[in-house]
Structures are given as structure tokens and as C-alpha cells.
Amino acid sequence: MKFELFVALRYLRAKRKQTMVSVISAISILGIAAGVMALVIALALSTGFKEDIQAKILGATPAINLFRIDNTPLPSSAELLSKTSGVSHVTGSAPAILKPVFIASSNSNQGAMMKGIDPKQEVRVSDFFSHVVDGNPHALDKDAAFSTGDGNPPLESILLGKEMARALGVTVGDTLKVCNPLGRLTPLGMTVTQKTLQVSGILARL
């Protein structure tokens, strides 16, 4: 018999006059076991939740975003991309445009943050297109524009997150009006720029 087991049994086994001591020891062991079990389960859940959140965030967006201090567009994104590609531990880089917009459908409307990307370069920094659960994941390619059928220029595509599509009440194939709330300065004053886009895909995580 191992020494540790001998000591454990020595103090767990009670004599006839020490029954209460044995009961207290058993309760103490069960309490410690329950506490350790709860701690292990909590740590496992916390670790799994953390990894899941990291996978969702870093899977759809890059780890680092670079902006100008004055929030103006970069004069030459190609030059910046060539510089960042030479930095150690940088596995990929891609240009993007982030802009607050106002989106309106035939059922509802709401504000949103629109991200304009280059599909061919976006795959270097995220698995964005792998989360398309409905529609065409390649709809943002230049040759995938929707034809209007009335001689007008084809509609450009937009991908929506699942929750936003539900809030706007749209599905694949519906059209949206996207407005720039900041407007554009013209000789006649500030005008709101508006564009009609066609929903070509729904993303599960966004």
C-alpha cells in the first residue's frame, strides 16, 4: 500500500467512538471535490469562450487597422501595403474603406458601418467570404454585378450581416439604398449621395 493511500485511509476510517469525525471528513472531501470540479469547468468554459470570440473577431477583421490621424483617405495605399508587407510577423495586408452610412430598405432603415474591400486582397487578412451562408460569396468580384434588365448600368453588390438583414427585412436579391450622411459639397450646397445596391449574400457572424 502506498504511503499517501495509507495516510488517507488512516484518517478517513473512524473508530466506533469517532463516527462524527468520519462524517465531517467525507463532507469535507465532497466539498473540495465539488469546488475543484467547478473551477475546472469554469476555466474550460472561459478558455473556450475566449478562443471562440477571438476566432470570430480575427476571422472577419484584421488584427490591426491603420488610419491617418486626421481620418482622411490615404494618398497611396499601394505604397503603404508594400511597406507593411516587409514588417516581421505581418502575414498579409489589404486596403479597405470604412464609412458610416444610412441604409434603407422597403421595410426599414438604420445606420451602419460600411466596409469597402478589394475581394482579391481581402482573403490575405481574413476568412470573410467563408462565412457567407446565403447567396454568392464571389458576388463582390467585378464580373458579378447584377443586371437591371432595363438598359441601365448593372447594380453593384453588397454583403450583409445576418442580424442586419433581419432588421432591414431583406434577403438575397433585394435592393437597398445606401446614403452617405456626410453629404458632398456642390455649387448648390451640401447634397446627400445615394446609391442603390443589391443584396448578394448574407454573412453568419456579422
N, C-alpha and C. Protein backbone atom coordinates (compact mmCIF):
# COMPACT_ATOMS: atom_id res chain seq x y z
N MET A 1 0.84 -1.19 0.00
CA MET A 1 0.00 0.00 0.00
C MET A 1 0.88 1.25 0.00
N LYS A 2 0.53 2.20 -0.88
CA LYS A 2 1.29 3.43 -0.93
C LYS A 2 1.10 4.25 0.34
N PHE A 3 2.12 5.04 0.64
CA PHE A 3 2.09 5.83 1.86
C PHE A 3 0.94 6.83 1.87
N GLU A 4 0.71 7.50 0.70
CA GLU A 4 -0.36 8.50 0.63
C GLU A 4 -1.72 7.86 0.88
N LEU A 5 -1.94 6.67 0.30
CA LEU A 5 -3.20 5.99 0.49
C LEU A 5 -3.36 5.53 1.93
N PHE A 6 -2.27 5.09 2.53
CA PHE A 6 -2.31 4.65 3.93
C PHE A 6 -2.71 5.79 4.86
N VAL A 7 -2.11 6.97 4.65
CA VAL A 7 -2.43 8.13 5.48
C VAL A 7 -3.88 8.55 5.29
N ALA A 8 -4.36 8.55 4.00
CA ALA A 8 -5.74 8.94 3.72
C ALA A 8 -6.72 8.00 4.40
N LEU A 9 -6.50 6.71 4.28
CA LEU A 9 -7.40 5.74 4.90
C LEU A 9 -7.32 5.81 6.42
N ARG A 10 -6.15 6.11 6.94
CA ARG A 10 -5.97 6.18 8.40
C ARG A 10 -6.85 7.25 9.01
N TYR A 11 -7.00 8.37 8.32
CA TYR A 11 -7.79 9.46 8.88
C TYR A 11 -9.24 9.45 8.41
N LEU A 12 -9.52 8.69 7.35
CA LEU A 12 -10.90 8.60 6.89
C LEU A 12 -11.68 7.51 7.63
N ARG A 13 -10.99 6.47 8.00
CA ARG A 13 -11.65 5.40 8.74
C ARG A 13 -11.83 5.83 10.18
N ALA A 14 -13.02 5.69 10.66
CA ALA A 14 -13.30 6.11 12.04
C ALA A 14 -13.55 4.90 12.92
N LYS A 15 -13.15 5.05 14.13
CA LYS A 15 -13.47 4.03 15.12
C LYS A 15 -14.92 4.21 15.58
N ARG A 16 -15.39 3.32 16.36
CA ARG A 16 -16.79 3.36 16.78
C ARG A 16 -17.13 4.67 17.50
N LYS A 17 -16.21 5.19 18.27
CA LYS A 17 -16.47 6.40 19.03
C LYS A 17 -16.16 7.67 18.22
N GLN A 18 -15.72 7.51 16.96
CA GLN A 18 -15.34 8.68 16.14
C GLN A 18 -16.15 8.74 14.85
N THR A 19 -17.40 8.31 14.88
CA THR A 19 -18.24 8.31 13.68
C THR A 19 -18.44 9.72 13.15
N MET A 20 -18.64 10.69 14.03
CA MET A 20 -18.84 12.07 13.61
C MET A 20 -17.63 12.61 12.86
N VAL A 21 -16.42 12.24 13.27
CA VAL A 21 -15.20 12.67 12.59
C VAL A 21 -15.17 12.15 11.15
N SER A 22 -15.61 10.91 10.98
CA SER A 22 -15.64 10.32 9.64
C SER A 22 -16.63 11.04 8.74
N VAL A 23 -17.81 11.37 9.29
CA VAL A 23 -18.82 12.08 8.51
C VAL A 23 -18.30 13.46 8.11
N ILE A 24 -17.67 14.17 9.02
CA ILE A 24 -17.12 15.50 8.72
C ILE A 24 -16.04 15.40 7.65
N SER A 25 -15.20 14.37 7.70
CA SER A 25 -14.15 14.18 6.71
C SER A 25 -14.74 13.93 5.32
N ALA A 26 -15.79 13.09 5.28
CA ALA A 26 -16.43 12.79 4.00
C ALA A 26 -17.05 14.05 3.39
N ILE A 27 -17.71 14.84 4.24
CA ILE A 27 -18.32 16.08 3.75
C ILE A 27 -17.23 17.04 3.25
N SER A 28 -16.13 17.11 3.95
CA SER A 28 -15.02 17.99 3.53
C SER A 28 -14.46 17.56 2.19
N ILE A 29 -14.30 16.25 2.00
CA ILE A 29 -13.77 15.74 0.72
C ILE A 29 -14.72 16.06 -0.41
N LEU A 30 -16.01 15.84 -0.18
CA LEU A 30 -17.00 16.15 -1.22
C LEU A 30 -17.02 17.64 -1.55
N GLY A 31 -16.89 18.48 -0.53
CA GLY A 31 -16.87 19.93 -0.77
C GLY A 31 -15.66 20.36 -1.59
N ILE A 32 -14.50 19.81 -1.25
CA ILE A 32 -13.28 20.15 -2.01
C ILE A 32 -13.39 19.65 -3.44
N ALA A 33 -13.92 18.43 -3.61
CA ALA A 33 -14.07 17.87 -4.96
C ALA A 33 -15.02 18.72 -5.80
N ALA A 34 -16.14 19.15 -5.19
CA ALA A 34 -17.09 19.99 -5.91
C ALA A 34 -16.48 21.33 -6.29
N GLY A 35 -15.69 21.91 -5.37
CA GLY A 35 -15.04 23.18 -5.66
C GLY A 35 -14.03 23.07 -6.79
N VAL A 36 -13.21 22.02 -6.75
CA VAL A 36 -12.22 21.82 -7.82
C VAL A 36 -12.92 21.56 -9.16
N MET A 37 -14.00 20.78 -9.13
CA MET A 37 -14.74 20.49 -10.35
C MET A 37 -15.33 21.78 -10.94
N ALA A 38 -15.90 22.62 -10.09
CA ALA A 38 -16.48 23.88 -10.56
C ALA A 38 -15.40 24.79 -11.15
N LEU A 39 -14.22 24.82 -10.51
CA LEU A 39 -13.12 25.65 -11.00
C LEU A 39 -12.63 25.16 -12.37
N VAL A 40 -12.49 23.85 -12.52
CA VAL A 40 -12.04 23.29 -13.80
C VAL A 40 -13.05 23.58 -14.91
N ILE A 41 -14.34 23.41 -14.60
CA ILE A 41 -15.38 23.68 -15.60
C ILE A 41 -15.40 25.15 -15.99
N ALA A 42 -15.27 26.05 -14.99
CA ALA A 42 -15.28 27.49 -15.27
C ALA A 42 -14.09 27.88 -16.13
N LEU A 43 -12.91 27.34 -15.83
CA LEU A 43 -11.72 27.66 -16.63
C LEU A 43 -11.86 27.12 -18.05
N ALA A 44 -12.43 25.92 -18.18
CA ALA A 44 -12.61 25.35 -19.52
C ALA A 44 -13.58 26.18 -20.35
N LEU A 45 -14.69 26.60 -19.73
CA LEU A 45 -15.66 27.44 -20.43
C LEU A 45 -15.06 28.79 -20.81
N SER A 46 -14.30 29.38 -19.87
CA SER A 46 -13.68 30.67 -20.13
C SER A 46 -12.69 30.59 -21.28
N THR A 47 -11.87 29.54 -21.28
CA THR A 47 -10.88 29.36 -22.35
C THR A 47 -11.56 29.13 -23.70
N GLY A 48 -12.58 28.28 -23.71
CA GLY A 48 -13.30 28.02 -24.96
C GLY A 48 -14.01 29.24 -25.47
N PHE A 49 -14.63 30.01 -24.57
CA PHE A 49 -15.33 31.23 -24.97
C PHE A 49 -14.35 32.26 -25.53
N LYS A 50 -13.18 32.38 -24.89
CA LYS A 50 -12.17 33.34 -25.35
C LYS A 50 -11.68 32.97 -26.74
N GLU A 51 -11.39 31.69 -26.96
CA GLU A 51 -10.92 31.25 -28.27
C GLU A 51 -11.99 31.44 -29.34
N ASP A 52 -13.25 31.20 -28.98
CA ASP A 52 -14.33 31.36 -29.94
C ASP A 52 -14.50 32.83 -30.33
N ILE A 53 -14.44 33.73 -29.35
CA ILE A 53 -14.57 35.16 -29.63
C ILE A 53 -13.39 35.63 -30.49
N GLN A 54 -12.18 35.18 -30.16
CA GLN A 54 -11.02 35.58 -30.94
C GLN A 54 -11.13 35.09 -32.38
N ALA A 55 -11.60 33.87 -32.54
CA ALA A 55 -11.75 33.32 -33.89
C ALA A 55 -12.78 34.11 -34.69
N LYS A 56 -13.87 34.52 -34.04
CA LYS A 56 -14.91 35.27 -34.74
C LYS A 56 -14.45 36.67 -35.11
N ILE A 57 -13.76 37.34 -34.17
CA ILE A 57 -13.33 38.71 -34.43
C ILE A 57 -12.19 38.75 -35.44
N LEU A 58 -11.14 37.97 -35.18
CA LEU A 58 -9.98 37.99 -36.05
C LEU A 58 -10.23 37.23 -37.35
N GLY A 59 -11.28 36.43 -37.40
CA GLY A 59 -11.58 35.73 -38.63
C GLY A 59 -12.24 36.64 -39.65
N ALA A 60 -13.00 37.62 -39.18
CA ALA A 60 -13.72 38.51 -40.09
C ALA A 60 -13.04 39.86 -40.27
N THR A 61 -12.14 40.22 -39.35
CA THR A 61 -11.46 41.50 -39.45
C THR A 61 -9.97 41.29 -39.20
N PRO A 62 -9.11 42.16 -39.73
CA PRO A 62 -7.67 42.03 -39.49
C PRO A 62 -7.32 42.35 -38.04
N ALA A 63 -6.16 41.91 -37.63
CA ALA A 63 -5.72 42.14 -36.25
C ALA A 63 -5.39 43.61 -36.01
N ILE A 64 -4.92 44.30 -37.04
CA ILE A 64 -4.51 45.71 -36.92
C ILE A 64 -5.11 46.51 -38.07
N ASN A 65 -5.65 47.68 -37.76
CA ASN A 65 -6.13 48.62 -38.77
C ASN A 65 -5.30 49.90 -38.70
N LEU A 66 -4.85 50.38 -39.84
CA LEU A 66 -4.05 51.60 -39.90
C LEU A 66 -4.89 52.74 -40.48
N PHE A 67 -4.93 53.87 -39.76
CA PHE A 67 -5.67 55.04 -40.21
C PHE A 67 -4.77 56.27 -40.11
N ARG A 68 -5.10 57.29 -40.88
CA ARG A 68 -4.43 58.58 -40.73
C ARG A 68 -4.96 59.28 -39.49
N ILE A 69 -4.13 60.11 -38.88
CA ILE A 69 -4.54 60.81 -37.66
C ILE A 69 -5.75 61.69 -37.92
N ASP A 70 -5.77 62.37 -39.06
CA ASP A 70 -6.89 63.26 -39.38
C ASP A 70 -8.06 62.52 -40.03
N ASN A 71 -7.96 61.19 -40.12
CA ASN A 71 -9.04 60.35 -40.65
C ASN A 71 -9.35 60.62 -42.13
N THR A 72 -8.38 61.14 -42.84
CA THR A 72 -8.54 61.38 -44.28
C THR A 72 -8.04 60.16 -45.05
N PRO A 73 -8.45 60.00 -46.31
CA PRO A 73 -8.01 58.83 -47.08
C PRO A 73 -6.50 58.83 -47.29
N LEU A 74 -5.93 57.66 -47.38
CA LEU A 74 -4.50 57.52 -47.66
C LEU A 74 -4.23 57.90 -49.10
N PRO A 75 -3.19 58.70 -49.35
CA PRO A 75 -2.91 59.10 -50.73
C PRO A 75 -2.47 57.94 -51.62
N SER A 76 -1.75 56.98 -51.04
CA SER A 76 -1.26 55.86 -51.83
C SER A 76 -1.28 54.60 -50.97
N SER A 77 -2.37 53.82 -51.10
CA SER A 77 -2.48 52.59 -50.31
C SER A 77 -1.48 51.54 -50.78
N ALA A 78 -1.16 51.53 -52.07
CA ALA A 78 -0.21 50.54 -52.58
C ALA A 78 1.16 50.70 -51.95
N GLU A 79 1.57 51.95 -51.77
CA GLU A 79 2.88 52.21 -51.16
C GLU A 79 2.89 51.75 -49.70
N LEU A 80 1.81 52.02 -48.99
CA LEU A 80 1.73 51.59 -47.60
C LEU A 80 1.71 50.07 -47.48
N LEU A 81 1.00 49.40 -48.38
CA LEU A 81 0.94 47.95 -48.35
C LEU A 81 2.31 47.33 -48.61
N SER A 82 3.08 47.94 -49.50
CA SER A 82 4.41 47.41 -49.78
C SER A 82 5.33 47.57 -48.58
N LYS A 83 5.13 48.64 -47.80
CA LYS A 83 5.95 48.84 -46.61
C LYS A 83 5.56 47.87 -45.50
N THR A 84 4.27 47.70 -45.30
CA THR A 84 3.83 46.82 -44.22
C THR A 84 4.14 45.35 -44.51
N SER A 85 4.19 44.97 -45.78
CA SER A 85 4.48 43.57 -46.11
C SER A 85 5.89 43.18 -45.71
N GLY A 86 6.78 44.17 -45.55
CA GLY A 86 8.15 43.87 -45.15
C GLY A 86 8.36 43.83 -43.66
N VAL A 87 7.32 44.15 -42.87
CA VAL A 87 7.44 44.13 -41.41
C VAL A 87 7.36 42.69 -40.92
N SER A 88 8.22 42.34 -39.97
CA SER A 88 8.23 40.97 -39.45
C SER A 88 6.91 40.64 -38.76
N HIS A 89 6.49 39.39 -38.90
CA HIS A 89 5.26 38.84 -38.30
C HIS A 89 3.99 39.33 -38.99
N VAL A 90 4.09 40.14 -40.03
CA VAL A 90 2.92 40.54 -40.80
C VAL A 90 2.69 39.48 -41.87
N THR A 91 1.58 38.79 -41.76
CA THR A 91 1.29 37.68 -42.69
C THR A 91 0.51 38.12 -43.92
N GLY A 92 -0.10 39.30 -43.88
CA GLY A 92 -0.86 39.77 -45.02
C GLY A 92 -1.40 41.16 -44.78
N SER A 93 -1.69 41.87 -45.84
CA SER A 93 -2.25 43.22 -45.73
C SER A 93 -3.17 43.46 -46.91
N ALA A 94 -4.18 44.31 -46.70
CA ALA A 94 -5.16 44.60 -47.74
C ALA A 94 -5.78 45.97 -47.49
N PRO A 95 -6.12 46.69 -48.55
CA PRO A 95 -6.75 48.01 -48.37
C PRO A 95 -8.23 47.87 -48.05
N ALA A 96 -8.78 48.86 -47.39
CA ALA A 96 -10.20 48.85 -47.05
C ALA A 96 -10.66 50.28 -46.79
N ILE A 97 -11.95 50.50 -46.96
CA ILE A 97 -12.55 51.80 -46.67
C ILE A 97 -13.68 51.57 -45.67
N LEU A 98 -13.63 52.26 -44.54
CA LEU A 98 -14.68 52.19 -43.52
C LEU A 98 -15.41 53.53 -43.48
N LYS A 99 -16.74 53.46 -43.59
CA LYS A 99 -17.51 54.70 -43.64
C LYS A 99 -18.88 54.50 -43.02
N PRO A 100 -19.31 55.43 -42.15
CA PRO A 100 -20.67 55.34 -41.63
C PRO A 100 -21.68 55.73 -42.71
N VAL A 101 -22.72 54.93 -42.84
CA VAL A 101 -23.72 55.17 -43.88
C VAL A 101 -25.11 54.99 -43.28
N PHE A 102 -26.10 55.34 -44.07
CA PHE A 102 -27.50 55.13 -43.71
C PHE A 102 -28.11 54.22 -44.77
N ILE A 103 -28.61 53.06 -44.33
CA ILE A 103 -29.14 52.06 -45.24
C ILE A 103 -30.66 51.99 -45.11
N ALA A 104 -31.34 52.01 -46.24
CA ALA A 104 -32.80 51.97 -46.24
C ALA A 104 -33.28 50.87 -47.17
N SER A 105 -34.23 50.09 -46.68
CA SER A 105 -34.91 49.08 -47.49
C SER A 105 -36.37 49.48 -47.62
N SER A 106 -37.15 48.66 -48.28
CA SER A 106 -38.57 48.95 -48.42
C SER A 106 -39.32 48.75 -47.11
N ASN A 107 -38.69 48.08 -46.14
CA ASN A 107 -39.36 47.78 -44.87
C ASN A 107 -38.83 48.59 -43.69
N SER A 108 -37.54 48.93 -43.73
CA SER A 108 -36.95 49.57 -42.56
C SER A 108 -35.70 50.33 -42.99
N ASN A 109 -35.08 51.01 -42.04
CA ASN A 109 -33.83 51.71 -42.30
C ASN A 109 -33.05 51.84 -41.01
N GLN A 110 -31.75 51.99 -41.11
CA GLN A 110 -30.90 52.12 -39.94
C GLN A 110 -29.50 52.54 -40.37
N GLY A 111 -28.74 53.06 -39.41
CA GLY A 111 -27.36 53.41 -39.66
C GLY A 111 -26.47 52.17 -39.60
N ALA A 112 -25.35 52.26 -40.28
CA ALA A 112 -24.44 51.11 -40.33
C ALA A 112 -23.04 51.59 -40.66
N MET A 113 -22.08 50.72 -40.44
CA MET A 113 -20.70 50.98 -40.83
C MET A 113 -20.41 50.11 -42.04
N MET A 114 -20.16 50.74 -43.17
CA MET A 114 -19.90 50.01 -44.40
C MET A 114 -18.40 49.87 -44.61
N LYS A 115 -18.00 48.68 -45.05
CA LYS A 115 -16.60 48.41 -45.32
C LYS A 115 -16.44 48.07 -46.80
N GLY A 116 -15.66 48.88 -47.49
CA GLY A 116 -15.36 48.60 -48.89
C GLY A 116 -14.02 47.87 -48.99
N ILE A 117 -13.98 46.78 -49.73
CA ILE A 117 -12.78 45.96 -49.79
C ILE A 117 -12.45 45.60 -51.22
N ASP A 118 -11.23 45.11 -51.39
CA ASP A 118 -10.80 44.50 -52.64
C ASP A 118 -10.87 43.00 -52.43
N PRO A 119 -11.81 42.30 -53.04
CA PRO A 119 -12.00 40.86 -52.75
C PRO A 119 -10.74 40.02 -52.93
N LYS A 120 -9.95 40.35 -53.94
CA LYS A 120 -8.75 39.54 -54.20
C LYS A 120 -7.69 39.71 -53.11
N GLN A 121 -7.65 40.88 -52.49
CA GLN A 121 -6.66 41.12 -51.45
C GLN A 121 -7.19 40.85 -50.04
N GLU A 122 -8.51 40.91 -49.87
CA GLU A 122 -9.10 40.70 -48.55
C GLU A 122 -8.84 39.30 -48.02
N VAL A 123 -8.74 38.32 -48.90
CA VAL A 123 -8.52 36.93 -48.46
C VAL A 123 -7.17 36.77 -47.77
N ARG A 124 -6.27 37.73 -47.90
CA ARG A 124 -4.97 37.65 -47.24
C ARG A 124 -5.06 37.91 -45.74
N VAL A 125 -6.08 38.65 -45.32
CA VAL A 125 -6.14 39.08 -43.92
C VAL A 125 -7.34 38.54 -43.17
N SER A 126 -8.30 37.91 -43.83
CA SER A 126 -9.48 37.40 -43.13
C SER A 126 -10.12 36.27 -43.92
N ASP A 127 -10.99 35.53 -43.24
CA ASP A 127 -11.79 34.48 -43.90
C ASP A 127 -13.22 34.97 -44.09
N PHE A 128 -13.32 36.24 -44.41
CA PHE A 128 -14.59 36.95 -44.54
C PHE A 128 -15.60 36.19 -45.39
N PHE A 129 -15.19 35.77 -46.57
CA PHE A 129 -16.13 35.18 -47.53
C PHE A 129 -16.55 33.76 -47.17
N SER A 130 -15.82 33.12 -46.28
CA SER A 130 -16.19 31.75 -45.89
C SER A 130 -17.40 31.73 -44.98
N HIS A 131 -17.83 32.90 -44.48
CA HIS A 131 -18.97 32.97 -43.58
C HIS A 131 -20.27 33.33 -44.29
N VAL A 132 -20.24 33.36 -45.61
CA VAL A 132 -21.46 33.62 -46.37
C VAL A 132 -22.34 32.37 -46.33
N VAL A 133 -23.50 32.48 -45.69
CA VAL A 133 -24.39 31.33 -45.53
C VAL A 133 -25.52 31.32 -46.54
N ASP A 134 -25.72 32.44 -47.22
CA ASP A 134 -26.79 32.52 -48.22
C ASP A 134 -26.34 33.47 -49.31
N GLY A 135 -26.46 33.06 -50.55
CA GLY A 135 -26.06 33.91 -51.65
C GLY A 135 -24.73 33.49 -52.24
N ASN A 136 -24.13 34.40 -52.99
CA ASN A 136 -22.90 34.14 -53.73
C ASN A 136 -21.71 34.77 -53.01
N PRO A 137 -20.76 33.96 -52.49
CA PRO A 137 -19.60 34.53 -51.80
C PRO A 137 -18.66 35.29 -52.72
N HIS A 138 -18.80 35.12 -54.04
CA HIS A 138 -17.94 35.80 -55.00
C HIS A 138 -18.66 36.97 -55.67
N ALA A 139 -19.73 37.43 -55.07
CA ALA A 139 -20.56 38.47 -55.70
C ALA A 139 -19.87 39.82 -55.75
N LEU A 140 -18.84 40.05 -54.92
CA LEU A 140 -18.17 41.34 -54.93
C LEU A 140 -17.13 41.45 -56.04
N ASP A 141 -16.88 40.36 -56.76
CA ASP A 141 -15.97 40.43 -57.90
C ASP A 141 -16.55 41.35 -58.96
N LYS A 142 -15.69 41.94 -59.75
CA LYS A 142 -16.13 42.93 -60.75
C LYS A 142 -17.05 42.34 -61.80
N ASP A 143 -16.88 41.04 -62.09
CA ASP A 143 -17.69 40.44 -63.15
C ASP A 143 -18.98 39.82 -62.62
N ALA A 144 -19.34 40.12 -61.34
CA ALA A 144 -20.53 39.51 -60.75
C ALA A 144 -21.64 40.52 -60.49
N ALA A 145 -21.63 41.63 -61.19
CA ALA A 145 -22.66 42.65 -60.98
C ALA A 145 -24.01 42.16 -61.49
N PHE A 146 -25.09 42.63 -60.85
CA PHE A 146 -26.44 42.24 -61.24
C PHE A 146 -26.93 43.12 -62.38
N SER A 147 -27.49 42.51 -63.38
CA SER A 147 -28.06 43.25 -64.49
C SER A 147 -29.47 43.71 -64.13
N THR A 148 -29.77 44.97 -64.45
CA THR A 148 -31.11 45.50 -64.14
C THR A 148 -32.13 45.10 -65.20
N GLY A 149 -31.68 44.76 -66.40
CA GLY A 149 -32.59 44.33 -67.46
C GLY A 149 -33.32 45.45 -68.16
N ASP A 150 -33.05 46.70 -67.78
CA ASP A 150 -33.74 47.82 -68.42
C ASP A 150 -32.77 48.75 -69.15
N GLY A 151 -31.57 48.27 -69.41
CA GLY A 151 -30.60 49.08 -70.12
C GLY A 151 -29.76 49.97 -69.22
N ASN A 152 -30.10 50.07 -67.94
CA ASN A 152 -29.32 50.87 -67.01
C ASN A 152 -28.07 50.11 -66.58
N PRO A 153 -27.08 50.81 -66.04
CA PRO A 153 -25.86 50.12 -65.57
C PRO A 153 -26.21 49.06 -64.53
N PRO A 154 -25.47 47.96 -64.51
CA PRO A 154 -25.77 46.89 -63.54
C PRO A 154 -25.56 47.36 -62.10
N LEU A 155 -26.34 46.79 -61.21
CA LEU A 155 -26.24 47.14 -59.80
C LEU A 155 -25.03 46.48 -59.16
N GLU A 156 -24.36 47.22 -58.30
CA GLU A 156 -23.25 46.65 -57.55
C GLU A 156 -23.79 45.86 -56.37
N SER A 157 -22.96 44.99 -55.84
CA SER A 157 -23.41 44.06 -54.80
C SER A 157 -23.01 44.53 -53.41
N ILE A 158 -23.72 44.01 -52.43
CA ILE A 158 -23.41 44.27 -51.03
C ILE A 158 -23.66 42.99 -50.24
N LEU A 159 -22.81 42.72 -49.26
CA LEU A 159 -22.99 41.60 -48.34
C LEU A 159 -23.44 42.15 -47.00
N LEU A 160 -24.44 41.54 -46.41
CA LEU A 160 -24.98 41.99 -45.13
C LEU A 160 -24.79 40.93 -44.06
N GLY A 161 -24.62 41.41 -42.83
CA GLY A 161 -24.64 40.50 -41.70
C GLY A 161 -26.04 39.95 -41.48
N LYS A 162 -26.11 38.79 -40.87
CA LYS A 162 -27.39 38.12 -40.69
C LYS A 162 -28.37 38.95 -39.88
N GLU A 163 -27.89 39.57 -38.81
CA GLU A 163 -28.76 40.36 -37.95
C GLU A 163 -29.23 41.63 -38.64
N MET A 164 -28.35 42.27 -39.41
CA MET A 164 -28.77 43.48 -40.12
C MET A 164 -29.78 43.15 -41.21
N ALA A 165 -29.57 42.03 -41.91
CA ALA A 165 -30.53 41.63 -42.94
C ALA A 165 -31.89 41.37 -42.32
N ARG A 166 -31.89 40.79 -41.13
CA ARG A 166 -33.16 40.53 -40.44
C ARG A 166 -33.82 41.84 -40.01
N ALA A 167 -33.00 42.79 -39.52
CA ALA A 167 -33.56 44.07 -39.07
C ALA A 167 -34.12 44.87 -40.24
N LEU A 168 -33.47 44.79 -41.40
CA LEU A 168 -33.94 45.52 -42.57
C LEU A 168 -35.04 44.77 -43.31
N GLY A 169 -35.22 43.50 -43.00
CA GLY A 169 -36.26 42.71 -43.65
C GLY A 169 -35.94 42.40 -45.10
N VAL A 170 -34.67 42.11 -45.39
CA VAL A 170 -34.26 41.83 -46.78
C VAL A 170 -33.63 40.45 -46.88
N THR A 171 -33.62 39.92 -48.08
CA THR A 171 -32.97 38.65 -48.38
C THR A 171 -32.14 38.84 -49.64
N VAL A 172 -31.49 37.77 -50.05
CA VAL A 172 -30.66 37.83 -51.26
C VAL A 172 -31.52 38.19 -52.47
N GLY A 173 -31.05 39.17 -53.23
CA GLY A 173 -31.79 39.63 -54.40
C GLY A 173 -32.52 40.93 -54.20
N ASP A 174 -32.78 41.33 -52.94
CA ASP A 174 -33.45 42.60 -52.66
C ASP A 174 -32.49 43.76 -52.87
N THR A 175 -33.02 44.95 -53.04
CA THR A 175 -32.20 46.14 -53.24
C THR A 175 -32.25 47.04 -52.01
N LEU A 176 -31.17 47.77 -51.81
CA LEU A 176 -31.04 48.71 -50.69
C LEU A 176 -30.57 50.05 -51.21
N LYS A 177 -30.99 51.11 -50.55
CA LYS A 177 -30.48 52.44 -50.85
C LYS A 177 -29.48 52.81 -49.75
N VAL A 178 -28.25 53.07 -50.14
CA VAL A 178 -27.19 53.42 -49.21
C VAL A 178 -26.87 54.89 -49.37
N CYS A 179 -26.99 55.65 -48.28
CA CYS A 179 -26.77 57.10 -48.31
C CYS A 179 -25.56 57.47 -47.47
N ASN A 180 -24.81 58.42 -47.97
CA ASN A 180 -23.69 58.97 -47.23
C ASN A 180 -24.19 60.15 -46.40
N PRO A 181 -24.28 60.01 -45.07
CA PRO A 181 -24.87 61.07 -44.26
C PRO A 181 -24.05 62.35 -44.23
N LEU A 182 -22.75 62.25 -44.54
CA LEU A 182 -21.91 63.45 -44.53
C LEU A 182 -22.16 64.33 -45.74
N GLY A 183 -22.69 63.73 -46.81
CA GLY A 183 -23.01 64.51 -47.99
C GLY A 183 -21.80 64.89 -48.82
N ARG A 184 -22.06 65.66 -49.85
CA ARG A 184 -20.99 66.11 -50.75
C ARG A 184 -21.22 67.57 -51.08
N LEU A 185 -20.16 68.35 -51.05
CA LEU A 185 -20.26 69.78 -51.30
C LEU A 185 -20.34 70.04 -52.81
N THR A 186 -21.38 70.73 -53.24
CA THR A 186 -21.58 71.09 -54.64
C THR A 186 -21.83 72.59 -54.73
N PRO A 187 -21.84 73.14 -55.96
CA PRO A 187 -22.15 74.58 -56.08
C PRO A 187 -23.51 74.95 -55.51
N LEU A 188 -24.41 73.98 -55.43
CA LEU A 188 -25.74 74.25 -54.88
C LEU A 188 -25.83 73.97 -53.38
N GLY A 189 -24.69 73.63 -52.77
CA GLY A 189 -24.68 73.32 -51.34
C GLY A 189 -24.40 71.85 -51.09
N MET A 190 -24.64 71.41 -49.87
CA MET A 190 -24.40 70.02 -49.49
C MET A 190 -25.52 69.13 -50.03
N THR A 191 -25.14 68.08 -50.68
CA THR A 191 -26.11 67.11 -51.18
C THR A 191 -25.77 65.73 -50.65
N VAL A 192 -26.78 64.94 -50.40
CA VAL A 192 -26.59 63.58 -49.91
C VAL A 192 -26.37 62.64 -51.09
N THR A 193 -25.28 61.93 -51.07
CA THR A 193 -25.01 60.96 -52.13
C THR A 193 -25.72 59.66 -51.82
N GLN A 194 -26.33 59.09 -52.82
CA GLN A 194 -27.12 57.87 -52.64
C GLN A 194 -26.80 56.87 -53.73
N LYS A 195 -26.80 55.59 -53.35
CA LYS A 195 -26.52 54.55 -54.32
C LYS A 195 -27.42 53.35 -54.03
N THR A 196 -27.88 52.72 -55.09
CA THR A 196 -28.71 51.53 -54.94
C THR A 196 -27.85 50.30 -55.14
N LEU A 197 -27.86 49.42 -54.15
CA LEU A 197 -27.08 48.18 -54.18
C LEU A 197 -28.01 46.99 -54.05
N GLN A 198 -27.55 45.87 -54.54
CA GLN A 198 -28.34 44.64 -54.46
C GLN A 198 -27.71 43.66 -53.49
N VAL A 199 -28.53 43.14 -52.59
CA VAL A 199 -28.04 42.17 -51.60
C VAL A 199 -27.69 40.88 -52.32
N SER A 200 -26.42 40.50 -52.21
CA SER A 200 -25.97 39.29 -52.92
C SER A 200 -25.50 38.20 -51.98
N GLY A 201 -25.46 38.48 -50.68
CA GLY A 201 -25.02 37.45 -49.75
C GLY A 201 -25.33 37.85 -48.32
N ILE A 202 -25.53 36.84 -47.47
CA ILE A 202 -25.78 37.04 -46.05
C ILE A 202 -24.67 36.33 -45.28
N LEU A 203 -24.07 37.07 -44.34
CA LEU A 203 -22.98 36.50 -43.55
C LEU A 203 -23.50 36.08 -42.18
N ALA A 204 -22.97 34.98 -41.68
CA ALA A 204 -23.47 34.42 -40.44
C ALA A 204 -23.00 35.17 -39.23
N ARG A 205 -21.77 35.67 -39.20
CA ARG A 205 -21.19 36.19 -37.97
C ARG A 205 -21.26 37.69 -37.82
N LEU A 206 -21.63 38.42 -38.86
CA LEU A 206 -21.55 39.86 -38.79
C LEU A 206 -22.91 40.50 -38.64
